Amino acid sequence: MADEVPQPLNYIPEVILKKRKNNEEWAIRRKLQLEQKVRKLKSDSFVIKKPEQFIREYRDKEMDLVQMKQREKRRAKGALTTSDSKLLFVIRIGGKSDMHPRTRKALYSLRLRKIFSGVFVKANERTVEILQKVEPFVTYGYPNLKSVKDLIYKKGSGKSDNQRVPLTSNDIVEQTLGQYGIICLEDVVREIASVGPHFKEVTSFLCPFALTKPEKALQGKKKRYNDGGDSGNREDHINELISKMD
């Protein structure tokens, strides 16, 4: 019996081998990504709302609108004249499904999009009108120089190229506000505390402050602070709350 001639091995080009390897690696990555998504979906608490829950939320929103109109009627001119301060610090302390869209719009006009965020505003008639609309969901008062300093140095961040940048360097301040003669953090503090001529430019540069939720200082009560609740004007007592949230 004649010896069989061995068949030549099929040659596979290196390009194809590389392509196969890349495809295999891509398939593994894709599988891991899908598994990660599945795990995330399972971990997220997805709750289907019952009809009565939708009704309750709708009623809460309508009640918020009615109360907002009542507050506007009761509003007295010069409601913030109990202090000589022209500066207010406003903190959002609530507001989710129980908030009417008009209230949410008013909150957003203050740049308070998240709970426990805070902003400096000028105490004027327009500010009073907005605060009256959103009063159950915010608390505010007159910050002292120490509170202004602590907030800016500990929690301050600014907008640079449409990105949030921590205020770790005076260069960031000078690049954005140097044209107004504001070149360092101390200048920022001074302009805010004194409600200076470039207050608007400085507050526009500063991002809303992301504050820490205090353990016991807020009880989740919509009643006004003077009536034993959390919301509304705390006047000088806002400084105590700031110290617990900075």
Protein backbone atom coordinates (compact mmCIF):
# COMPACT_ATOMS: atom_id res chain seq x y z
CA MET A 1 0.00 0.00 0.00
CA ALA A 2 1.49 3.29 -1.12
CA ASP A 3 2.17 5.94 1.47
CA GLU A 4 -0.48 8.64 1.58
CA VAL A 5 0.68 12.10 0.61
CA PRO A 6 -0.02 14.56 3.52
CA GLN A 7 -2.46 17.30 2.67
CA PRO A 8 -1.02 20.83 2.83
CA LEU A 9 -2.29 22.95 5.75
CA ASN A 10 -4.65 25.77 4.80
CA TYR A 11 -2.88 29.12 5.16
CA ILE A 12 -4.86 31.81 6.97
CA PRO A 13 -3.67 35.36 6.33
CA GLU A 14 -2.52 37.31 9.39
CA VAL A 15 -5.04 40.07 8.67
CA ILE A 16 -7.92 37.62 9.07
CA LEU A 17 -6.46 36.24 12.30
CA LYS A 18 -6.20 39.76 13.73
CA LYS A 19 -9.76 40.50 12.66
CA ARG A 20 -11.00 37.33 14.35
CA LYS A 21 -9.18 38.27 17.54
CA ASN A 22 -10.62 41.80 17.48
CA ASN A 23 -14.11 40.40 16.92
CA GLU A 24 -13.71 38.02 19.83
CA GLU A 25 -12.50 40.84 22.12
CA TRP A 26 -15.36 43.07 21.01
CA ALA A 27 -17.86 40.27 21.66
CA ILE A 28 -16.47 39.79 25.18
CA ARG A 29 -16.64 43.54 25.91
CA ARG A 30 -20.17 43.72 24.56
CA LYS A 31 -21.24 40.77 26.70
CA LEU A 32 -19.77 42.39 29.81
CA GLN A 33 -21.54 45.67 29.01
CA LEU A 34 -24.88 43.90 28.58
CA GLU A 35 -24.41 41.99 31.83
CA GLN A 36 -23.60 45.25 33.59
CA LYS A 37 -26.75 46.89 32.22
CA VAL A 38 -28.88 43.94 33.34
CA ARG A 39 -27.42 44.09 36.84
CA LYS A 40 -28.06 47.85 36.98
CA LEU A 41 -31.67 47.44 35.85
CA LYS A 42 -32.24 44.78 38.48
CA SER A 43 -30.66 46.90 41.20
CA ASP A 44 -32.66 50.02 40.31
CA SER A 45 -35.94 50.12 42.14
CA PHE A 46 -38.49 50.48 39.39
CA VAL A 47 -41.87 51.10 40.96
CA ILE A 48 -45.09 51.20 38.98
CA LYS A 49 -47.25 53.97 40.33
CA LYS A 50 -50.80 53.17 41.29
CA PRO A 51 -53.66 55.35 39.96
CA GLU A 52 -54.30 56.77 43.44
CA GLN A 53 -50.66 57.86 43.65
CA PHE A 54 -51.02 59.84 40.40
CA ILE A 55 -54.20 61.42 41.79
CA ARG A 56 -52.46 62.32 45.06
CA GLU A 57 -49.52 63.92 43.21
CA TYR A 58 -51.90 65.88 40.97
CA ARG A 59 -53.80 67.17 44.00
CA ASP A 60 -50.54 68.13 45.72
CA LYS A 61 -49.46 70.11 42.67
CA GLU A 62 -52.81 71.88 42.43
CA MET A 63 -52.71 72.64 46.15
CA ASP A 64 -49.22 74.06 45.72
CA LEU A 65 -50.51 76.37 42.97
CA VAL A 66 -53.42 77.55 45.15
CA GLN A 67 -51.10 78.21 48.10
CA MET A 68 -48.65 80.04 45.85
CA LYS A 69 -51.42 82.40 44.72
CA GLN A 70 -52.49 82.94 48.33
CA ARG A 71 -48.93 83.79 49.33
CA GLU A 72 -48.71 86.31 46.49
CA LYS A 73 -51.89 88.01 47.72
CA ARG A 74 -50.60 88.19 51.28
CA ARG A 75 -47.20 89.45 50.26
CA ALA A 76 -46.37 92.81 51.77
CA LYS A 77 -43.97 95.18 50.09
CA GLY A 78 -40.66 95.45 51.84
CA ALA A 79 -41.01 91.98 53.39
CA LEU A 80 -37.24 91.74 53.73
CA THR A 81 -36.64 95.09 55.37
CA THR A 82 -36.02 93.53 58.80
CA SER A 83 -32.30 93.68 58.02
CA ASP A 84 -30.00 96.26 56.46
CA SER A 85 -28.33 93.47 54.48
CA LYS A 86 -28.78 93.51 50.72
CA LEU A 87 -27.51 89.94 50.46
CA LEU A 88 -29.51 86.74 50.77
CA PHE A 89 -28.45 83.12 50.67
CA VAL A 90 -31.20 80.77 49.46
CA ILE A 91 -31.17 77.00 50.00
CA ARG A 92 -33.53 74.59 48.31
CA ILE A 93 -34.79 72.12 50.93
CA GLY A 94 -37.57 70.27 49.08
CA GLY A 95 -39.74 69.94 46.02
CA LYS A 96 -40.36 66.87 43.88
CA SER A 97 -43.68 65.39 42.83
CA ASP A 98 -45.68 67.79 45.03
CA MET A 99 -44.49 70.87 43.16
CA HIS A 100 -46.53 72.68 40.50
CA PRO A 101 -44.69 73.40 37.20
CA ARG A 102 -44.97 77.14 37.85
CA THR A 103 -43.23 76.68 41.20
CA ARG A 104 -40.53 74.59 39.55
CA LYS A 105 -40.01 77.29 36.94
CA ALA A 106 -39.59 79.89 39.69
CA LEU A 107 -37.05 77.66 41.46
CA TYR A 108 -35.13 77.18 38.22
CA SER A 109 -35.02 80.95 37.73
CA LEU A 110 -32.99 81.01 40.96
CA ARG A 111 -30.80 78.20 39.52
CA LEU A 112 -31.96 75.88 42.30
CA ARG A 113 -32.40 72.69 40.30
CA LYS A 114 -31.36 70.28 43.04
CA ILE A 115 -32.33 69.80 46.68
CA PHE A 116 -29.69 71.12 49.11
CA SER A 117 -28.24 73.51 46.56
CA GLY A 118 -27.74 77.15 47.49
CA VAL A 119 -27.20 80.50 45.77
CA PHE A 120 -26.44 84.11 46.67
CA VAL A 121 -29.08 86.58 45.50
CA LYS A 122 -29.67 90.29 45.88
CA ALA A 123 -32.46 91.21 48.32
CA ASN A 124 -34.79 93.24 46.12
CA GLU A 125 -38.44 93.35 45.10
CA ARG A 126 -38.05 90.83 42.28
CA THR A 127 -36.32 88.36 44.61
CA VAL A 128 -39.12 88.77 47.16
CA GLU A 129 -41.71 87.87 44.52
CA ILE A 130 -39.87 84.70 43.52
CA LEU A 131 -39.22 83.62 47.12
CA GLN A 132 -42.90 84.03 47.94
CA LYS A 133 -43.76 81.61 45.13
CA VAL A 134 -41.32 78.94 46.23
CA GLU A 135 -41.34 79.52 50.00
CA PRO A 136 -42.37 75.98 51.11
CA PHE A 137 -39.39 74.53 49.23
CA VAL A 138 -36.64 76.97 50.26
CA THR A 139 -35.16 78.59 53.30
CA TYR A 140 -33.13 81.79 53.21
CA GLY A 141 -31.59 84.55 55.25
CA TYR A 142 -28.81 87.07 55.62
CA PRO A 143 -25.34 85.45 55.48
CA ASN A 144 -22.50 87.07 57.39
CA LEU A 145 -18.96 87.51 56.10
CA LYS A 146 -17.76 84.25 57.68
CA SER A 147 -20.53 82.26 55.93
CA VAL A 148 -19.72 83.88 52.59
CA LYS A 149 -16.03 83.04 53.01
CA ASP A 150 -16.65 79.47 54.13
CA LEU A 151 -19.02 78.76 51.25
CA ILE A 152 -16.71 80.15 48.58
CA TYR A 153 -13.50 78.64 49.92
CA LYS A 154 -14.94 75.24 50.89
CA LYS A 155 -17.73 74.66 48.36
CA GLY A 156 -17.06 77.20 45.61
CA SER A 157 -16.87 76.25 41.96
CA GLY A 158 -17.15 78.33 38.80
CA LYS A 159 -18.07 77.94 35.16
CA SER A 160 -15.19 77.77 32.70
CA ASP A 161 -15.81 76.74 29.08
CA ASN A 162 -19.29 75.55 30.14
CA GLN A 163 -17.76 73.18 32.70
CA ARG A 164 -17.90 73.19 36.49
CA VAL A 165 -14.41 73.92 37.84
CA PRO A 166 -13.43 73.92 41.56
CA LEU A 167 -12.05 77.26 42.73
CA THR A 168 -8.61 75.90 43.59
CA SER A 169 -6.67 78.61 41.78
CA ASN A 170 -6.91 82.38 41.42
CA ASP A 171 -6.09 81.92 37.72
CA ILE A 172 -9.62 80.65 37.06
CA VAL A 173 -11.07 83.76 38.71
CA GLU A 174 -8.77 86.14 36.86
CA GLN A 175 -9.43 84.56 33.45
CA THR A 176 -13.19 84.96 33.83
CA LEU A 177 -13.61 88.06 36.00
CA GLY A 178 -10.32 89.91 35.50
CA GLN A 179 -11.99 92.43 33.19
CA TYR A 180 -14.01 93.63 36.22
CA GLY A 181 -10.93 93.96 38.44
CA ILE A 182 -11.73 90.71 40.26
CA ILE A 183 -8.61 88.55 40.15
CA CYS A 184 -8.66 86.33 43.26
CA LEU A 185 -10.98 84.51 45.65
CA GLU A 186 -10.74 87.32 48.20
CA ASP A 187 -12.10 89.70 45.55
CA VAL A 188 -14.98 87.28 44.91
CA VAL A 189 -15.78 87.17 48.65
CA ARG A 190 -15.66 90.96 48.90
CA GLU A 191 -17.90 91.47 45.85
CA ILE A 192 -20.51 89.01 47.15
CA ALA A 193 -20.47 90.18 50.78
CA SER A 194 -20.80 93.86 49.82
CA VAL A 195 -23.21 93.21 46.90
CA GLY A 196 -20.80 95.19 44.75
CA PRO A 197 -21.29 96.65 41.26
CA HIS A 198 -20.30 93.37 39.60
CA PHE A 199 -22.40 91.14 41.87
CA LYS A 200 -24.38 89.82 38.91
CA GLU A 201 -21.29 88.84 36.94
CA VAL A 202 -19.73 87.11 39.95
CA THR A 203 -22.87 85.16 40.88
CA SER A 204 -23.29 84.12 37.23
CA PHE A 205 -19.72 82.81 37.30
CA LEU A 206 -20.28 80.90 40.55
CA CYS A 207 -22.12 77.58 40.24
CA PRO A 208 -24.89 76.84 42.76
CA PHE A 209 -23.32 75.48 45.93
CA ALA A 210 -23.77 71.73 46.46
CA LEU A 211 -24.43 71.54 50.19
CA THR A 212 -24.40 68.58 52.57
CA LYS A 213 -27.70 67.42 54.02
CA PRO A 214 -27.69 68.28 57.74
CA GLU A 215 -28.56 65.49 60.14
CA LYS A 216 -30.96 67.27 62.49
CA ALA A 217 -31.18 70.89 61.35
CA LEU A 218 -33.99 70.17 58.87
CA GLN A 219 -37.04 68.10 59.77
CA GLY A 220 -38.85 68.14 56.41
CA LYS A 221 -41.59 70.50 57.62
CA LYS A 222 -43.06 72.89 55.06
CA LYS A 223 -44.20 75.30 57.76
CA ARG A 224 -42.36 78.59 58.02
CA TYR A 225 -39.26 78.71 60.21
CA ASN A 226 -40.87 81.24 62.56
CA ASP A 227 -43.79 78.81 63.06
CA GLY A 228 -41.56 75.87 63.94
CA GLY A 229 -40.96 74.61 60.40
CA ASP A 230 -38.02 74.63 58.01
CA SER A 231 -38.97 76.99 55.18
CA GLY A 232 -39.00 80.72 54.70
CA ASN A 233 -36.92 83.54 56.12
CA ARG A 234 -34.47 82.60 58.90
CA GLU A 235 -32.89 86.06 58.88
CA ASP A 236 -29.50 85.84 60.67
CA HIS A 237 -30.16 82.23 61.76
CA ILE A 238 -29.31 81.11 58.21
CA ASN A 239 -25.67 81.23 59.30
CA GLU A 240 -26.23 78.38 61.77
CA LEU A 241 -27.72 76.24 59.01
CA ILE A 242 -24.90 77.09 56.58
CA SER A 243 -22.31 75.99 59.16
CA LYS A 244 -24.02 72.58 59.33
CA MET A 245 -24.17 72.17 55.55
CA ASP A 246 -20.81 73.53 54.31
